[in-house]
């Protein structure tokens, strides 16, 4: 009898007005976050998650080259740099494919070629073949990315693009966060399994696109030209957006190289460094969906400027000391900057591009991150070695402030340009710059 009474009380509490109201609010928040997006977008979203869950190789590539292939750290670094160089060119080629042959063909071709490139790298043994395979895998590995971004712009209503790109960015980071420990577990059975698993998930994504994603380009006209379009490089409004984004990317990639070297040199252990960097992934997973809703109320130029300033400020804080709590705070600050910038950037690119050149514009935008990933390690290492950590992190702070000011200064010209594009072809969001 007592248990029956407790059960009735529990049911009554679950159906109380406050519980119903809370449930209603949660459902409403979920609807605002994910509702109204087309099915094709969700196919791309799920495919991206599957692909990123199998993204084992890149985080473990240097370890694989030194431990399994016996390369010195210097030679392994060169091979990894070749992978990065291939990735830098990949976005340009991928953008061209998306515009010339359509999003669907570019996606399927890029994903299946990337799968083959990963296997090529996994089965290469000699140094020469490792170098060739690394560049090839990098070149093929990111061919699909501009096509994904262009397809999202094709199928998502202009005013929903910030939210759609934000959710896509979020799932990429969720997949990466899961892939890291999963990759460490898989590697216990042999590093070759990493390459096979990465290739398999990429191939599956291509199959999903083949069967589930229609051609999305609204003005698709096949072309025989295989040269990337020069239009984005001649678009002054786009370049005024590209340059500060590149500056922020140069700051951001210091977290992959110079930050680790500096923290270890100042007495932190590798386990502490891992804990510090984990703040980045945890905050992205927790905060990004919330930030994606908030930023739609603000001017995109202000969001981009704030993102640049937070990024510079966060890295600038690394100059103060190398204690774990302060380093974690610094990572938290520049992670907020990363979230702000990443949430709105792709929507700006989608608005600036005409429908038939969305792939090319997204490709050139992605190239800014590829170029930065190649230059940042050498630049940061040189400044750190010759002038010290205070100069490096102070330079990051100044660069972030400059990029923020640049974004604000370019806002009026971009706003006027977007008004003209809205009259010419539509497809431009109502988000105010």
Protein backbone atom coordinates (compact mmCIF):
# COMPACT_ATOMS: atom_id res chain seq x y z
CA UNK A 1 0.00 0.00 0.00
CA UNK A 2 2.80 2.39 0.83
CA UNK A 3 4.52 1.70 -2.52
CA UNK A 4 1.22 2.33 -4.34
CA UNK A 5 0.84 5.63 -2.55
CA UNK A 6 4.36 6.68 -3.42
CA UNK A 7 3.73 5.77 -7.07
CA UNK A 8 0.59 7.95 -7.14
CA UNK A 9 2.50 10.83 -5.61
CA UNK A 10 5.28 10.45 -8.20
CA UNK A 11 2.77 10.44 -11.06
CA UNK A 12 1.06 13.48 -9.64
CA UNK A 13 4.34 15.37 -9.37
CA UNK A 14 5.28 14.46 -12.97
CA UNK A 15 1.97 15.83 -14.21
CA UNK A 16 2.07 18.95 -12.07
CA UNK A 17 1.75 22.33 -13.85
CA UNK A 18 5.39 23.22 -13.18
CA UNK A 19 6.62 19.95 -14.73
CA UNK A 20 4.36 20.38 -17.76
CA UNK A 21 5.58 23.95 -18.19
CA UNK A 22 9.22 22.87 -17.99
CA UNK A 23 8.61 20.11 -20.52
CA UNK A 24 6.87 22.58 -22.82
CA UNK A 25 9.80 25.00 -22.56
CA UNK A 26 12.30 22.26 -23.36
CA UNK A 27 10.29 21.16 -26.39
CA UNK A 28 10.01 24.75 -27.55
CA UNK A 29 13.74 25.35 -27.18
CA UNK A 30 14.45 22.18 -29.14
CA UNK A 31 12.06 23.29 -31.86
CA UNK A 32 13.72 26.70 -32.08
CA UNK A 33 17.15 25.08 -32.29
CA UNK A 34 16.54 22.31 -34.84
CA UNK A 35 13.06 22.84 -36.26
CA UNK A 36 12.22 23.92 -39.78
CA UNK A 37 15.36 22.66 -41.52
CA UNK A 38 14.84 20.50 -44.66
CA UNK A 39 15.43 16.76 -44.81
CA UNK A 40 18.36 17.09 -47.23
CA UNK A 41 20.16 19.21 -44.64
CA UNK A 42 19.68 16.52 -41.99
CA UNK A 43 21.04 13.85 -44.34
CA UNK A 44 24.19 15.96 -44.74
CA UNK A 45 24.27 16.56 -40.99
CA UNK A 46 24.08 12.85 -40.12
CA UNK A 47 26.60 11.99 -42.85
CA UNK A 48 29.00 14.56 -41.44
CA UNK A 49 28.64 13.02 -37.99
CA UNK A 50 29.38 9.52 -39.32
CA UNK A 51 32.38 10.82 -41.23
CA UNK A 52 33.78 12.72 -38.26
CA UNK A 53 33.30 9.78 -35.92
CA UNK A 54 35.76 7.95 -38.15
CA UNK A 55 38.20 10.85 -38.37
CA UNK A 56 40.93 8.91 -36.65
CA UNK A 57 44.00 9.47 -38.76
CA UNK A 58 44.93 13.16 -38.64
CA UNK A 59 45.25 13.44 -34.82
CA UNK A 60 47.46 10.32 -34.75
CA UNK A 61 49.35 10.83 -38.01
CA UNK A 62 52.62 12.11 -36.49
CA UNK A 63 52.63 9.30 -33.90
CA UNK A 64 51.96 6.74 -36.62
CA UNK A 65 54.79 8.01 -38.82
CA UNK A 66 57.38 7.95 -36.03
CA UNK A 67 56.28 4.78 -34.25
CA UNK A 68 55.11 2.54 -37.10
CA UNK A 69 57.12 3.83 -40.06
CA UNK A 70 60.26 4.73 -38.14
CA UNK A 71 60.57 8.32 -39.35
CA UNK A 72 62.44 10.93 -37.41
CA UNK A 73 60.42 13.76 -35.93
CA UNK A 74 61.77 16.11 -38.62
CA UNK A 75 60.76 13.83 -41.49
CA UNK A 76 57.42 13.07 -39.90
CA UNK A 77 56.77 16.80 -39.56
CA UNK A 78 57.51 17.29 -43.25
CA UNK A 79 55.10 14.52 -44.22
CA UNK A 80 52.38 16.07 -42.04
CA UNK A 81 53.11 19.44 -43.65
CA UNK A 82 52.58 17.87 -47.07
CA UNK A 83 49.20 16.64 -45.87
CA UNK A 84 48.37 20.20 -44.84
CA UNK A 85 49.53 21.58 -48.19
CA UNK A 86 47.23 19.17 -49.98
CA UNK A 87 44.34 20.22 -47.74
CA UNK A 88 45.01 23.86 -48.55
CA UNK A 89 44.59 23.23 -52.28
CA UNK A 90 41.73 20.82 -51.73
CA UNK A 91 39.21 23.53 -50.89
CA UNK A 92 39.84 25.39 -54.14
CA UNK A 93 39.46 22.25 -56.24
CA UNK A 94 36.43 21.12 -54.25
CA UNK A 95 34.72 24.47 -54.70
CA UNK A 96 35.33 24.31 -58.45
CA UNK A 97 33.86 20.80 -58.63
CA UNK A 98 30.76 21.87 -56.71
CA UNK A 99 30.08 24.71 -59.15
CA UNK A 100 31.11 23.00 -62.38
CA UNK A 101 29.58 19.55 -61.90
CA UNK A 102 26.98 20.09 -59.19
CA UNK A 103 26.95 19.57 -55.44
CA UNK A 104 25.90 15.92 -55.53
CA UNK A 105 28.65 14.80 -57.93
CA UNK A 106 31.25 16.85 -56.07
CA UNK A 107 30.19 15.32 -52.76
CA UNK A 108 30.17 11.71 -53.95
CA UNK A 109 33.37 12.06 -55.97
CA UNK A 110 35.16 13.89 -53.18
CA UNK A 111 34.16 11.44 -50.47
CA UNK A 112 34.97 8.31 -52.44
CA UNK A 113 38.30 9.72 -53.63
CA UNK A 114 39.09 10.73 -50.04
CA UNK A 115 38.39 7.17 -48.94
CA UNK A 116 40.86 5.85 -51.52
CA UNK A 117 43.44 8.47 -50.57
CA UNK A 118 43.30 7.42 -46.93
CA UNK A 119 43.90 3.78 -47.84
CA UNK A 120 46.78 4.85 -50.10
CA UNK A 121 48.41 6.59 -47.13
CA UNK A 122 47.77 3.69 -44.79
CA UNK A 123 49.43 1.12 -47.05
CA UNK A 124 52.43 3.28 -48.05
CA UNK A 125 55.71 2.32 -46.42
CA UNK A 126 58.70 3.97 -48.12
CA UNK A 127 59.44 7.63 -47.39
CA UNK A 128 58.87 8.76 -50.98
CA UNK A 129 55.50 7.03 -51.16
CA UNK A 130 54.56 8.36 -47.72
CA UNK A 131 55.20 11.90 -48.95
CA UNK A 132 53.22 11.38 -52.14
CA UNK A 133 50.40 9.65 -50.28
CA UNK A 134 50.23 12.34 -47.57
CA UNK A 135 49.87 15.12 -50.12
CA UNK A 136 47.33 13.06 -52.08
CA UNK A 137 45.28 12.25 -48.98
CA UNK A 138 45.28 15.90 -47.96
CA UNK A 139 44.29 17.01 -51.47
CA UNK A 140 41.44 14.50 -51.71
CA UNK A 141 40.35 14.60 -48.10
CA UNK A 142 38.66 18.00 -48.11
CA UNK A 143 37.25 18.05 -51.64
CA UNK A 144 33.74 17.52 -50.29
CA UNK A 145 33.69 20.35 -47.74
CA UNK A 146 32.88 23.30 -50.05
CA UNK A 147 30.13 21.20 -51.65
CA UNK A 148 28.55 20.58 -48.24
CA UNK A 149 28.60 24.28 -47.39
CA UNK A 150 27.21 25.19 -50.82
CA UNK A 151 24.46 22.55 -50.56
CA UNK A 152 23.41 23.90 -47.16
CA UNK A 153 23.09 27.38 -48.69
CA UNK A 154 21.05 25.86 -51.55
CA UNK A 155 18.46 24.07 -49.44
CA UNK A 156 18.22 26.13 -46.23
CA UNK A 157 16.20 29.33 -46.18
CA UNK A 158 18.50 32.38 -46.00
CA UNK A 159 17.31 33.45 -42.55
CA UNK A 160 17.98 29.95 -41.13
CA UNK A 161 21.54 29.61 -42.42
CA UNK A 162 23.28 30.88 -39.29
CA UNK A 163 21.46 28.22 -37.28
CA UNK A 164 22.11 25.51 -39.89
CA UNK A 165 25.82 26.22 -40.23
CA UNK A 166 26.11 26.46 -36.45
CA UNK A 167 24.60 23.00 -35.99
CA UNK A 168 26.90 21.61 -38.68
CA UNK A 169 29.93 23.12 -36.96
CA UNK A 170 28.69 21.69 -33.66
CA UNK A 171 28.34 18.14 -34.98
CA UNK A 172 31.82 18.29 -36.52
CA UNK A 173 33.24 19.04 -33.08
CA UNK A 174 31.09 16.39 -31.39
CA UNK A 175 32.32 13.80 -33.87
CA UNK A 176 35.93 14.90 -33.42
CA UNK A 177 35.66 14.76 -29.63
CA UNK A 178 34.38 11.18 -29.83
CA UNK A 179 36.86 10.18 -32.54
CA UNK A 180 39.93 11.05 -30.44
CA UNK A 181 39.44 8.51 -27.63
CA UNK A 182 37.84 6.06 -30.07
CA UNK A 183 40.89 6.32 -32.30
CA UNK A 184 43.18 5.60 -29.37
CA UNK A 185 41.17 2.47 -28.63
CA UNK A 186 41.17 1.33 -32.28
CA UNK A 187 44.92 1.91 -32.57
CA UNK A 188 45.51 -0.79 -29.96
CA UNK A 189 44.56 -3.31 -32.64
CA UNK A 190 47.06 -1.80 -35.11
CA UNK A 191 47.41 1.59 -36.73
CA UNK A 192 46.24 0.24 -40.09
CA UNK A 193 42.76 -0.07 -38.57
CA UNK A 194 42.71 3.71 -38.18
CA UNK A 195 43.14 4.20 -41.91
CA UNK A 196 40.63 1.49 -42.79
CA UNK A 197 38.06 2.87 -40.33
CA UNK A 198 38.54 6.44 -41.57
CA UNK A 199 38.21 5.32 -45.19
CA UNK A 200 35.13 3.21 -44.43
CA UNK A 201 33.17 6.00 -42.71
CA UNK A 202 34.07 8.41 -45.52
CA UNK A 203 32.92 5.89 -48.14
CA UNK A 204 29.65 5.34 -46.25
CA UNK A 205 29.02 9.09 -46.24
CA UNK A 206 29.47 9.05 -50.02
CA UNK A 207 26.95 6.23 -50.34
CA UNK A 208 24.44 8.13 -48.20
CA UNK A 209 24.80 11.15 -50.49
CA UNK A 210 24.45 8.98 -53.61
CA UNK A 211 21.15 7.48 -52.48
CA UNK A 212 19.63 10.28 -50.39
CA UNK A 213 20.85 13.70 -51.60
CA UNK A 214 19.47 15.19 -54.84
CA UNK A 215 21.24 17.85 -56.85
CA UNK A 216 20.67 21.07 -54.91
CA UNK A 217 22.23 23.76 -57.09
CA UNK A 218 19.44 26.07 -58.29
CA UNK A 219 21.44 27.26 -61.31
CA UNK A 220 23.50 24.21 -62.18
CA UNK A 221 25.07 24.33 -65.65
CA UNK A 222 27.83 21.77 -66.36
CA UNK A 223 31.13 23.24 -67.52
CA UNK A 224 34.27 21.74 -69.03
CA UNK A 225 36.56 24.16 -67.27
CA UNK A 226 38.66 22.61 -64.52
CA UNK A 227 40.19 25.86 -63.25
CA UNK A 228 38.99 27.41 -59.98
CA UNK A 229 36.95 30.55 -60.47
CA UNK A 230 38.83 33.81 -60.06
CA UNK A 231 35.65 35.72 -59.13
CA UNK A 232 36.06 35.39 -55.33
CA UNK A 233 39.61 36.76 -55.55
CA UNK A 234 38.31 39.84 -57.42
CA UNK A 235 35.42 40.47 -55.04
CA UNK A 236 36.68 43.30 -52.81
CA UNK A 237 33.81 42.93 -50.36
CA UNK A 238 34.54 39.24 -49.94
CA UNK A 239 38.28 39.84 -49.55
CA UNK A 240 37.55 42.45 -46.88
CA UNK A 241 35.83 39.62 -44.99
CA UNK A 242 38.48 37.00 -45.88
CA UNK A 243 41.52 38.91 -44.58
CA UNK A 244 40.41 39.36 -40.92
CA UNK A 245 39.19 35.75 -40.91
CA UNK A 246 42.67 34.68 -42.02
CA UNK A 247 44.21 36.78 -39.25
CA UNK A 248 42.01 35.06 -36.67
CA UNK A 249 42.92 31.67 -38.13
CA UNK A 250 46.63 32.48 -37.71
CA UNK A 251 45.96 33.12 -34.02
CA UNK A 252 43.80 30.04 -33.59
CA UNK A 253 46.37 27.59 -34.97
CA UNK A 254 48.92 28.72 -32.39
CA UNK A 255 46.89 26.49 -30.08
CA UNK A 256 47.99 23.44 -32.07
CA UNK A 257 51.73 24.06 -31.94
CA UNK A 258 53.22 27.04 -30.09
CA UNK A 259 50.88 26.75 -27.12
CA UNK A 260 51.90 23.15 -26.45
CA UNK A 261 55.60 24.01 -26.76
CA UNK A 262 55.27 27.01 -24.44
CA UNK A 263 53.24 25.29 -21.73
CA UNK A 264 55.51 22.25 -21.65
CA UNK A 265 58.63 24.47 -21.59
CA UNK A 266 57.17 26.36 -18.61
CA UNK A 267 56.80 23.19 -16.54
CA UNK A 268 53.39 21.71 -17.33
CA UNK A 269 53.05 18.00 -18.00
CA UNK A 270 51.55 16.55 -21.16
CA UNK A 271 48.57 15.24 -19.18
CA UNK A 272 47.92 18.76 -17.90
CA UNK A 273 48.13 20.11 -21.43
CA UNK A 274 45.54 17.56 -22.54
CA UNK A 275 43.24 18.63 -19.72
CA UNK A 276 43.65 22.28 -20.65
CA UNK A 277 42.84 21.68 -24.30
CA UNK A 278 39.83 19.54 -23.39
CA UNK A 279 38.13 22.77 -22.26
CA UNK A 280 37.88 23.75 -25.93
CA UNK A 281 35.88 20.71 -26.99
CA UNK A 282 33.67 20.63 -23.91
CA UNK A 283 32.66 24.28 -24.25
CA UNK A 284 31.92 23.95 -27.96
CA UNK A 285 29.61 21.00 -27.31
CA UNK A 286 27.84 22.77 -24.45
CA UNK A 287 27.69 26.37 -25.65
CA UNK A 288 27.48 26.36 -29.43
CA UNK A 289 23.76 25.47 -29.80
CA UNK A 290 22.95 28.23 -27.30
CA UNK A 291 25.21 30.76 -29.02
CA UNK A 292 23.72 29.90 -32.42
CA UNK A 293 20.33 31.11 -31.19
CA UNK A 294 21.67 34.23 -29.50
CA UNK A 295 23.80 35.57 -32.35
CA UNK A 296 20.83 35.80 -34.72
CA UNK A 297 19.73 38.84 -32.69
CA UNK A 298 23.01 40.70 -33.26
CA UNK A 299 24.73 42.28 -36.24
CA UNK A 300 26.99 39.74 -37.91
CA UNK A 301 29.81 42.27 -38.15
CA UNK A 302 29.61 42.72 -34.37
CA UNK A 303 29.65 38.95 -33.85
CA UNK A 304 32.69 38.58 -36.11
CA UNK A 305 34.45 41.46 -34.35
CA UNK A 306 33.68 39.99 -30.93
CA UNK A 307 34.92 36.60 -32.09
CA UNK A 308 38.22 38.11 -33.22
CA UNK A 309 38.66 40.07 -29.98
CA UNK A 310 37.84 37.09 -27.75
CA UNK A 311 40.27 34.92 -29.75
CA UNK A 312 43.07 37.46 -29.42
CA UNK A 313 42.32 38.12 -25.76
CA UNK A 314 42.25 34.41 -24.94
CA UNK A 315 45.63 33.76 -26.48
CA UNK A 316 46.96 36.96 -24.95
CA UNK A 317 46.09 35.59 -21.50
CA UNK A 318 48.60 32.76 -22.05
CA UNK A 319 51.36 35.34 -21.51
CA UNK A 320 50.45 35.83 -17.84
CA UNK A 321 51.49 32.47 -16.41
CA UNK A 322 51.46 28.75 -17.09
CA UNK A 323 49.27 27.57 -14.24
CA UNK A 324 46.58 25.08 -15.17
CA UNK A 325 43.59 27.16 -13.96
CA UNK A 326 44.72 30.30 -15.80
CA UNK A 327 45.54 28.34 -18.94
CA UNK A 328 42.07 26.76 -18.82
CA UNK A 329 40.53 30.22 -18.45
CA UNK A 330 42.50 31.43 -21.46
CA UNK A 331 41.32 28.47 -23.54
CA UNK A 332 37.74 29.16 -22.45
CA UNK A 333 38.01 32.78 -23.61
CA UNK A 334 39.40 31.97 -27.06
CA UNK A 335 36.92 29.12 -27.43
CA UNK A 336 34.09 31.65 -27.08
CA UNK A 337 35.77 33.60 -29.86
CA UNK A 338 35.99 30.48 -32.00
CA UNK A 339 32.29 29.73 -31.50
CA UNK A 340 31.22 33.28 -32.36
CA UNK A 341 33.24 33.42 -35.56
CA UNK A 342 32.43 29.93 -36.77
CA UNK A 343 28.70 30.35 -36.19
CA UNK A 344 28.21 33.26 -38.59
CA UNK A 345 31.13 33.11 -41.05
CA UNK A 346 29.72 30.55 -43.49
CA UNK A 347 26.40 32.39 -43.66
CA UNK A 348 28.23 35.58 -44.65
CA UNK A 349 30.03 33.66 -47.41
CA UNK A 350 26.74 32.16 -48.60
CA UNK A 351 25.18 35.63 -48.82
CA UNK A 352 28.10 37.14 -50.71
CA UNK A 353 28.21 34.37 -53.32
CA UNK A 354 25.87 34.15 -56.29
CA UNK A 355 24.04 30.77 -56.38
CA UNK A 356 26.19 29.41 -59.22
CA UNK A 357 29.45 30.26 -57.37
CA UNK A 358 28.64 29.18 -53.82
CA UNK A 359 31.09 26.30 -53.98
CA UNK A 360 33.93 28.51 -55.18
CA UNK A 361 33.33 31.13 -52.50
CA UNK A 362 33.12 28.49 -49.76
CA UNK A 363 36.30 26.90 -51.13
CA UNK A 364 38.26 30.16 -51.02
CA UNK A 365 36.92 30.82 -47.53
CA UNK A 366 38.08 27.36 -46.38
CA UNK A 367 41.45 28.05 -47.98
CA UNK A 368 42.05 30.82 -45.42
CA UNK A 369 42.11 28.14 -42.72
CA UNK A 370 44.27 25.84 -44.84
CA UNK A 371 46.86 28.55 -45.49
CA UNK A 372 46.83 29.53 -41.82
CA UNK A 373 47.34 25.91 -40.73
CA UNK A 374 50.48 25.78 -42.89
CA UNK A 375 51.93 29.17 -41.92
CA UNK A 376 50.96 29.38 -38.25
CA UNK A 377 53.30 26.63 -36.91
CA UNK A 378 56.36 28.14 -38.60
CA UNK A 379 55.42 31.72 -37.70
CA UNK A 380 54.56 30.90 -34.09
CA UNK A 381 57.62 28.73 -33.61
CA UNK A 382 59.91 31.44 -34.99
CA UNK A 383 58.48 34.18 -32.77
CA UNK A 384 58.48 31.90 -29.73
CA UNK A 385 62.09 30.83 -30.30
CA UNK A 386 63.54 34.26 -31.10
CA UNK A 387 61.47 36.69 -29.05
CA UNK A 388 59.79 34.61 -26.34
CA UNK A 389 56.27 33.72 -25.33
CA UNK A 390 55.29 37.20 -24.13
CA UNK A 391 55.91 38.63 -27.58
CA UNK A 392 54.02 35.79 -29.27
CA UNK A 393 50.92 36.03 -27.09
CA UNK A 394 51.00 39.82 -27.08
CA UNK A 395 51.16 39.70 -30.87
CA UNK A 396 48.12 37.40 -30.90
CA UNK A 397 46.21 39.92 -28.76
CA UNK A 398 47.07 42.81 -31.08
CA UNK A 399 46.21 40.74 -34.16
CA UNK A 400 42.82 39.87 -32.68
CA UNK A 401 42.08 43.52 -31.88
CA UNK A 402 43.09 44.54 -35.40
CA UNK A 403 40.91 41.83 -36.97
CA UNK A 404 37.97 42.93 -34.81
CA UNK A 405 38.37 46.55 -35.87
CA UNK A 406 38.68 45.46 -39.50
CA UNK A 407 35.38 43.56 -39.31
CA UNK A 408 33.61 46.63 -37.94
CA UNK A 409 35.19 48.93 -40.52
CA UNK A 410 34.12 46.65 -43.41
CA UNK A 411 30.53 46.28 -42.19
CA UNK A 412 28.94 49.27 -43.95
CA UNK A 413 30.41 48.41 -47.36
CA UNK A 414 29.32 44.77 -47.00
CA UNK A 415 25.82 45.84 -45.96
CA UNK A 416 25.44 48.01 -49.07
CA UNK A 417 26.83 45.23 -51.27
CA UNK A 418 24.41 42.69 -49.82
CA UNK A 419 21.50 45.03 -50.50
CA UNK A 420 22.53 45.08 -54.16
CA UNK A 421 22.81 41.29 -54.28
CA UNK A 422 19.39 40.96 -52.65
CA UNK A 423 17.90 42.99 -55.50
CA UNK A 424 19.84 41.08 -58.18
CA UNK A 425 19.17 37.45 -57.32
CA UNK A 426 17.61 37.20 -53.88
CA UNK A 427 18.76 34.35 -51.66
CA UNK A 428 20.36 36.81 -49.24
CA UNK A 429 19.41 36.55 -45.59
CA UNK A 430 17.81 39.35 -43.65
CA UNK A 431 20.59 39.21 -41.07
CA UNK A 432 21.97 42.71 -40.59
CA UNK A 433 25.68 43.23 -41.00
